[in-house]
Amino acid sequence: MSSDLSGQVMPKDIKHHISFYRTPSAVQTFAKSLKYTTAKGSIQFPLDKPLPLSLISKITKFRVQESFARDIKWKS
């Protein structure tokens, strides 16, 4: 298994929100939980509300598992 997790999730602060960059597969998987503005490559969390840390954690774990599964597939 690769230990390089760069590019799995990337936060960025903008003037009125924090963008959480993820993959389309994560958006599809968590679509029912996403009560936030989404764009093709990000979820936008407003700065005036608490971050949904539980949701962010779930998406991050999903991306790590997805990445490891992809690595295993290529090593087989």
N, C-alpha and C. Protein backbone atom coordinates (compact mmCIF):
# COMPACT_ATOMS: atom_id res chain seq x y z
N MET A 1 0.83 -1.19 0.00
CA MET A 1 0.00 0.00 0.00
C MET A 1 0.87 1.25 0.00
N SER A 2 0.47 2.19 -0.76
CA SER A 2 1.19 3.46 -0.82
C SER A 2 0.84 4.30 0.40
N SER A 3 1.84 4.95 0.95
CA SER A 3 1.57 5.82 2.10
C SER A 3 1.41 7.28 1.66
N ASP A 4 1.55 7.56 0.38
CA ASP A 4 1.39 8.92 -0.12
C ASP A 4 -0.09 9.23 -0.31
N LEU A 5 -0.64 10.10 0.52
CA LEU A 5 -2.05 10.45 0.45
C LEU A 5 -2.26 11.84 -0.11
N SER A 6 -1.22 12.42 -0.70
CA SER A 6 -1.36 13.76 -1.26
C SER A 6 -2.42 13.75 -2.35
N GLY A 7 -3.18 14.80 -2.40
CA GLY A 7 -4.22 14.91 -3.40
C GLY A 7 -5.53 14.23 -3.07
N GLN A 8 -5.64 13.61 -1.91
CA GLN A 8 -6.87 12.92 -1.55
C GLN A 8 -7.96 13.90 -1.16
N VAL A 9 -7.62 14.87 -0.37
CA VAL A 9 -8.53 15.94 0.02
C VAL A 9 -7.69 17.21 0.15
N MET A 10 -8.27 18.33 -0.24
CA MET A 10 -7.52 19.58 -0.18
C MET A 10 -8.43 20.71 0.26
N PRO A 11 -8.21 21.28 1.45
CA PRO A 11 -9.01 22.43 1.86
C PRO A 11 -8.38 23.73 1.34
N LYS A 12 -9.20 24.73 1.11
CA LYS A 12 -8.71 26.05 0.70
C LYS A 12 -9.69 27.09 1.23
N ASP A 13 -9.15 28.13 1.84
CA ASP A 13 -10.02 29.18 2.35
C ASP A 13 -10.21 30.26 1.28
N ILE A 14 -11.45 30.67 1.11
CA ILE A 14 -11.84 31.70 0.18
C ILE A 14 -12.46 32.83 1.02
N LYS A 15 -12.80 33.94 0.43
CA LYS A 15 -13.32 35.08 1.19
C LYS A 15 -14.57 34.76 2.02
N HIS A 16 -15.53 33.99 1.46
CA HIS A 16 -16.80 33.76 2.15
C HIS A 16 -17.07 32.30 2.50
N HIS A 17 -16.15 31.43 2.15
CA HIS A 17 -16.35 30.02 2.45
C HIS A 17 -15.01 29.28 2.44
N ILE A 18 -15.03 28.06 2.90
CA ILE A 18 -13.89 27.16 2.80
C ILE A 18 -14.25 26.12 1.77
N SER A 19 -13.42 25.96 0.77
CA SER A 19 -13.66 24.93 -0.25
C SER A 19 -12.92 23.66 0.14
N PHE A 20 -13.61 22.57 0.04
CA PHE A 20 -13.07 21.25 0.35
C PHE A 20 -13.06 20.49 -0.97
N TYR A 21 -11.87 20.30 -1.52
CA TYR A 21 -11.75 19.65 -2.83
C TYR A 21 -11.72 18.14 -2.65
N ARG A 22 -12.54 17.46 -3.45
CA ARG A 22 -12.68 16.01 -3.37
C ARG A 22 -12.92 15.51 -4.80
N THR A 23 -13.30 14.29 -4.96
CA THR A 23 -13.53 13.71 -6.28
C THR A 23 -15.02 13.55 -6.54
N PRO A 24 -15.43 13.45 -7.81
CA PRO A 24 -16.84 13.22 -8.11
C PRO A 24 -17.40 11.96 -7.44
N SER A 25 -16.58 10.93 -7.27
CA SER A 25 -17.06 9.70 -6.63
C SER A 25 -17.48 9.96 -5.18
N ALA A 26 -16.77 10.85 -4.50
CA ALA A 26 -17.13 11.18 -3.11
C ALA A 26 -18.44 11.96 -3.08
N VAL A 27 -18.64 12.85 -4.03
CA VAL A 27 -19.89 13.61 -4.08
C VAL A 27 -21.07 12.66 -4.32
N GLN A 28 -20.91 11.72 -5.21
CA GLN A 28 -21.98 10.76 -5.48
C GLN A 28 -22.27 9.92 -4.24
N THR A 29 -21.23 9.47 -3.58
CA THR A 29 -21.40 8.62 -2.39
C THR A 29 -22.08 9.36 -1.25
N PHE A 30 -21.75 10.63 -1.07
CA PHE A 30 -22.26 11.41 0.06
C PHE A 30 -23.31 12.43 -0.35
N ALA A 31 -23.89 12.29 -1.51
CA ALA A 31 -24.84 13.28 -2.04
C ALA A 31 -25.96 13.62 -1.06
N LYS A 32 -26.50 12.63 -0.37
CA LYS A 32 -27.61 12.89 0.56
C LYS A 32 -27.15 13.68 1.79
N SER A 33 -25.86 13.59 2.13
CA SER A 33 -25.33 14.29 3.30
C SER A 33 -24.84 15.69 2.97
N LEU A 34 -24.76 16.02 1.69
CA LEU A 34 -24.20 17.31 1.28
C LEU A 34 -25.29 18.37 1.19
N LYS A 35 -25.44 19.10 2.27
CA LYS A 35 -26.42 20.19 2.33
C LYS A 35 -25.68 21.52 2.18
N TYR A 36 -24.69 21.50 1.30
CA TYR A 36 -23.84 22.65 1.08
C TYR A 36 -23.75 22.91 -0.42
N THR A 37 -23.27 24.08 -0.77
CA THR A 37 -23.04 24.39 -2.17
C THR A 37 -21.91 23.49 -2.68
N THR A 38 -22.14 22.89 -3.83
CA THR A 38 -21.09 22.06 -4.42
C THR A 38 -20.80 22.59 -5.83
N ALA A 39 -19.61 22.37 -6.24
CA ALA A 39 -19.18 22.65 -7.60
C ALA A 39 -18.58 21.35 -8.13
N LYS A 40 -18.16 21.36 -9.37
CA LYS A 40 -17.64 20.13 -9.96
C LYS A 40 -16.51 19.54 -9.13
N GLY A 41 -15.68 20.38 -8.56
CA GLY A 41 -14.53 19.86 -7.84
C GLY A 41 -14.46 20.25 -6.38
N SER A 42 -15.56 20.74 -5.79
CA SER A 42 -15.46 21.15 -4.38
C SER A 42 -16.80 21.17 -3.68
N ILE A 43 -16.70 21.16 -2.36
CA ILE A 43 -17.84 21.39 -1.48
C ILE A 43 -17.52 22.70 -0.77
N GLN A 44 -18.46 23.62 -0.71
CA GLN A 44 -18.21 24.92 -0.10
C GLN A 44 -18.90 25.02 1.27
N PHE A 45 -18.10 25.17 2.30
CA PHE A 45 -18.62 25.32 3.65
C PHE A 45 -18.58 26.81 4.02
N PRO A 46 -19.72 27.39 4.42
CA PRO A 46 -19.74 28.81 4.77
C PRO A 46 -18.89 29.09 6.01
N LEU A 47 -18.25 30.24 6.02
CA LEU A 47 -17.40 30.61 7.15
C LEU A 47 -18.18 30.92 8.42
N ASP A 48 -19.45 31.27 8.30
CA ASP A 48 -20.23 31.67 9.47
C ASP A 48 -20.91 30.49 10.17
N LYS A 49 -20.62 29.28 9.74
CA LYS A 49 -21.20 28.08 10.37
C LYS A 49 -20.07 27.12 10.75
N PRO A 50 -20.27 26.30 11.78
CA PRO A 50 -19.24 25.33 12.16
C PRO A 50 -18.98 24.33 11.03
N LEU A 51 -17.74 23.92 10.90
CA LEU A 51 -17.41 22.90 9.90
C LEU A 51 -18.03 21.57 10.29
N PRO A 52 -18.58 20.84 9.35
CA PRO A 52 -19.15 19.51 9.64
C PRO A 52 -18.02 18.47 9.71
N LEU A 53 -17.32 18.46 10.83
CA LEU A 53 -16.12 17.63 10.96
C LEU A 53 -16.39 16.14 10.76
N SER A 54 -17.53 15.68 11.21
CA SER A 54 -17.88 14.27 11.02
C SER A 54 -17.99 13.93 9.53
N LEU A 55 -18.66 14.78 8.78
CA LEU A 55 -18.81 14.58 7.34
C LEU A 55 -17.45 14.65 6.65
N ILE A 56 -16.64 15.63 7.01
CA ILE A 56 -15.31 15.76 6.41
C ILE A 56 -14.47 14.52 6.70
N SER A 57 -14.56 14.02 7.90
CA SER A 57 -13.83 12.80 8.27
C SER A 57 -14.30 11.60 7.44
N LYS A 58 -15.60 11.46 7.27
CA LYS A 58 -16.13 10.34 6.47
C LYS A 58 -15.68 10.43 5.02
N ILE A 59 -15.71 11.62 4.45
CA ILE A 59 -15.28 11.80 3.06
C ILE A 59 -13.79 11.50 2.92
N THR A 60 -13.01 11.98 3.89
CA THR A 60 -11.57 11.73 3.85
C THR A 60 -11.26 10.24 3.94
N LYS A 61 -11.91 9.53 4.85
CA LYS A 61 -11.70 8.08 4.97
C LYS A 61 -12.11 7.36 3.70
N PHE A 62 -13.22 7.79 3.10
CA PHE A 62 -13.67 7.21 1.84
C PHE A 62 -12.61 7.38 0.76
N ARG A 63 -12.04 8.58 0.65
CA ARG A 63 -11.02 8.84 -0.38
C ARG A 63 -9.76 8.03 -0.15
N VAL A 64 -9.35 7.87 1.11
CA VAL A 64 -8.17 7.06 1.41
C VAL A 64 -8.42 5.61 1.01
N GLN A 65 -9.58 5.06 1.39
CA GLN A 65 -9.91 3.67 1.02
C GLN A 65 -10.00 3.52 -0.49
N GLU A 66 -10.59 4.49 -1.16
CA GLU A 66 -10.71 4.45 -2.61
C GLU A 66 -9.32 4.47 -3.26
N SER A 67 -8.43 5.27 -2.73
CA SER A 67 -7.08 5.37 -3.26
C SER A 67 -6.31 4.06 -3.05
N PHE A 68 -6.42 3.49 -1.84
CA PHE A 68 -5.74 2.23 -1.57
C PHE A 68 -6.28 1.11 -2.46
N ALA A 69 -7.58 1.09 -2.67
CA ALA A 69 -8.19 0.07 -3.53
C ALA A 69 -7.66 0.21 -4.96
N ARG A 70 -7.53 1.44 -5.42
CA ARG A 70 -7.00 1.68 -6.76
C ARG A 70 -5.53 1.23 -6.84
N ASP A 71 -4.74 1.51 -5.80
CA ASP A 71 -3.33 1.08 -5.78
C ASP A 71 -3.21 -0.43 -5.83
N ILE A 72 -4.06 -1.12 -5.06
CA ILE A 72 -4.02 -2.59 -5.04
C ILE A 72 -4.37 -3.14 -6.41
N LYS A 73 -5.36 -2.53 -7.05
CA LYS A 73 -5.79 -3.00 -8.38
C LYS A 73 -4.61 -2.90 -9.37
N TRP A 74 -3.86 -1.83 -9.31
CA TRP A 74 -2.75 -1.63 -10.25
C TRP A 74 -1.57 -2.52 -9.92
N LYS A 75 -1.43 -2.96 -8.68
CA LYS A 75 -0.30 -3.83 -8.28
C LYS A 75 -0.60 -5.29 -8.55
N SER A 76 -1.85 -5.63 -8.82
CA SER A 76 -2.23 -7.03 -9.03
C SER A 76 -1.79 -7.51 -10.40
